[in-house]
Amino acid sequence: LDDETPVIDIYSADNGHGWRIVPTGFDFSGLGASKSLLARTNMITVKKHLRTLASAAVLDDLYDTLRADLDIIWTIMPSRDSMGLQGTRLGKKSMLNVVRSSNAIQFTKYSRMRQRLL
């Protein structure tokens, strides 16, 4: 997961672990004619279908608006990965490091907290 990957977590009363839908590897063929070429659009369509099918379900769309506040208690820690020696335009080699951050742990904690508060 990264900050740009849409995710849907689903919980039921009899399953505390729940299910997570991520667009990577998810089969959107069930959307039929509503299926788009873009995974992000398909995830929005899946969410709309779920709202229709489970109209009595509790829906929480607040994570994006609460992220700054959540960062106070569940800080997103960047990780530094080495890409090894890389060639430059001048023919020299230099070490390349990439700093990445993921909100996956923060989102999971928020999602599980919300599930337990329902």
Protein backbone atom coordinates (compact mmCIF):
# COMPACT_ATOMS: atom_id res chain seq x y z
CA LEU A 1 0.00 0.00 0.00
CA ASP A 2 1.02 3.54 -0.57
CA ASP A 3 -0.71 6.88 -0.23
CA GLU A 4 -2.22 6.53 -3.71
CA THR A 5 -3.59 2.98 -3.48
CA PRO A 6 -7.32 2.84 -2.78
CA VAL A 7 -8.30 0.21 -0.21
CA ILE A 8 -11.64 -1.09 1.06
CA ASP A 9 -11.83 -2.93 4.39
CA ILE A 10 -14.98 -4.96 5.09
CA TYR A 11 -15.98 -6.36 8.48
CA SER A 12 -18.95 -8.45 9.51
CA ALA A 13 -20.40 -9.07 12.96
CA ASP A 14 -19.25 -12.70 12.93
CA ASN A 15 -15.73 -12.14 11.53
CA GLY A 16 -13.45 -9.81 13.46
CA HIS A 17 -10.58 -10.20 11.00
CA GLY A 18 -12.44 -8.80 8.02
CA TRP A 19 -11.45 -8.63 4.39
CA ARG A 20 -9.36 -6.10 2.48
CA ILE A 21 -9.90 -5.28 -1.17
CA VAL A 22 -6.88 -3.82 -2.96
CA PRO A 23 -6.90 -3.17 -6.71
CA THR A 24 -3.75 -5.20 -7.38
CA GLY A 25 -4.83 -8.65 -8.45
CA PHE A 26 -8.53 -8.02 -7.78
CA ASP A 27 -10.89 -9.35 -10.45
CA PHE A 28 -13.17 -6.47 -11.44
CA SER A 29 -15.01 -8.54 -14.08
CA GLY A 30 -18.00 -8.74 -11.72
CA LEU A 31 -18.62 -5.06 -12.46
CA GLY A 32 -19.75 -6.01 -15.97
CA ALA A 33 -20.42 -2.98 -18.15
CA SER A 34 -19.47 -0.69 -15.23
CA LYS A 35 -15.87 -1.94 -15.38
CA SER A 36 -13.29 0.70 -16.28
CA LEU A 37 -9.74 0.40 -17.54
CA LEU A 38 -8.56 2.22 -14.40
CA ALA A 39 -8.29 0.36 -11.09
CA ARG A 40 -8.98 3.55 -9.09
CA THR A 41 -12.28 4.06 -10.94
CA ASN A 42 -13.18 0.39 -10.44
CA MET A 43 -12.58 0.69 -6.69
CA ILE A 44 -15.01 3.62 -6.55
CA THR A 45 -17.56 1.53 -8.46
CA VAL A 46 -17.05 -1.42 -6.09
CA LYS A 47 -17.65 0.89 -3.12
CA LYS A 48 -20.88 2.18 -4.73
CA HIS A 49 -22.08 -1.38 -5.35
CA LEU A 50 -21.31 -2.36 -1.76
CA ARG A 51 -23.27 0.64 -0.48
CA THR A 52 -26.25 -0.44 -2.59
CA LEU A 53 -26.06 -4.11 -1.59
CA ALA A 54 -25.48 -3.44 2.12
CA SER A 55 -27.46 -0.25 2.69
CA ALA A 56 -27.68 -0.87 6.45
CA ALA A 57 -23.91 -1.22 6.79
CA VAL A 58 -21.83 1.44 8.52
CA LEU A 59 -19.55 3.23 6.09
CA ASP A 60 -16.47 5.12 7.25
CA ASP A 61 -14.88 7.44 4.69
CA LEU A 62 -13.11 9.65 7.23
CA TYR A 63 -9.57 8.26 7.07
CA ASP A 64 -8.29 10.74 4.47
CA THR A 65 -9.61 13.72 6.42
CA LEU A 66 -8.22 12.41 9.73
CA ARG A 67 -4.74 11.45 8.51
CA ALA A 68 -3.01 14.53 9.90
CA ASP A 69 -4.54 13.95 13.34
CA LEU A 70 -3.77 10.22 13.22
CA ASP A 71 -0.13 10.98 12.42
CA ILE A 72 0.21 12.36 15.95
CA ILE A 73 -0.46 8.94 17.49
CA TRP A 74 0.42 6.56 14.62
CA THR A 75 3.33 8.23 12.87
CA ILE A 76 4.15 7.15 9.33
CA MET A 77 7.83 6.28 9.36
CA PRO A 78 9.75 6.59 6.10
CA SER A 79 12.11 3.80 5.12
CA ARG A 80 15.32 4.22 3.18
CA ASP A 81 16.14 1.63 0.52
CA SER A 82 19.41 1.39 -1.34
CA MET A 83 19.14 1.02 -5.10
CA GLY A 84 22.83 0.18 -5.30
CA LEU A 85 25.34 1.66 -7.71
CA GLN A 86 23.70 3.54 -10.54
CA GLY A 87 25.28 5.11 -13.60
CA THR A 88 24.94 8.85 -14.15
CA ARG A 89 24.82 10.84 -17.39
CA LEU A 90 28.48 11.68 -16.96
CA GLY A 91 29.43 7.99 -16.86
CA LYS A 92 30.19 8.00 -13.15
CA LYS A 93 28.72 5.54 -10.70
CA SER A 94 27.08 6.66 -7.50
CA MET A 95 25.01 5.07 -4.74
CA LEU A 96 21.32 5.77 -5.09
CA ASN A 97 19.02 5.73 -2.06
CA VAL A 98 15.25 6.03 -2.18
CA VAL A 99 13.11 7.18 0.73
CA ARG A 100 9.63 5.66 0.74
CA SER A 101 6.70 6.01 3.07
CA SER A 102 3.58 3.95 3.36
CA ASN A 103 0.46 4.59 5.36
CA ALA A 104 -0.49 0.88 5.35
CA ILE A 105 0.17 0.33 9.07
CA GLN A 106 -1.59 3.55 10.05
CA PHE A 107 -4.61 2.74 7.87
CA THR A 108 -4.82 -0.81 9.23
CA LYS A 109 -4.72 0.43 12.83
CA TYR A 110 -7.44 3.01 12.08
CA SER A 111 -9.58 0.44 10.28
CA ARG A 112 -9.31 -2.13 13.09
CA MET A 113 -10.05 0.55 15.69
CA ARG A 114 -13.20 1.62 13.85
CA GLN A 115 -14.32 -1.99 13.54
CA ARG A 116 -13.97 -2.52 17.28
CA LEU A 117 -15.86 0.71 18.10
CA LEU A 118 -18.95 -0.33 16.12
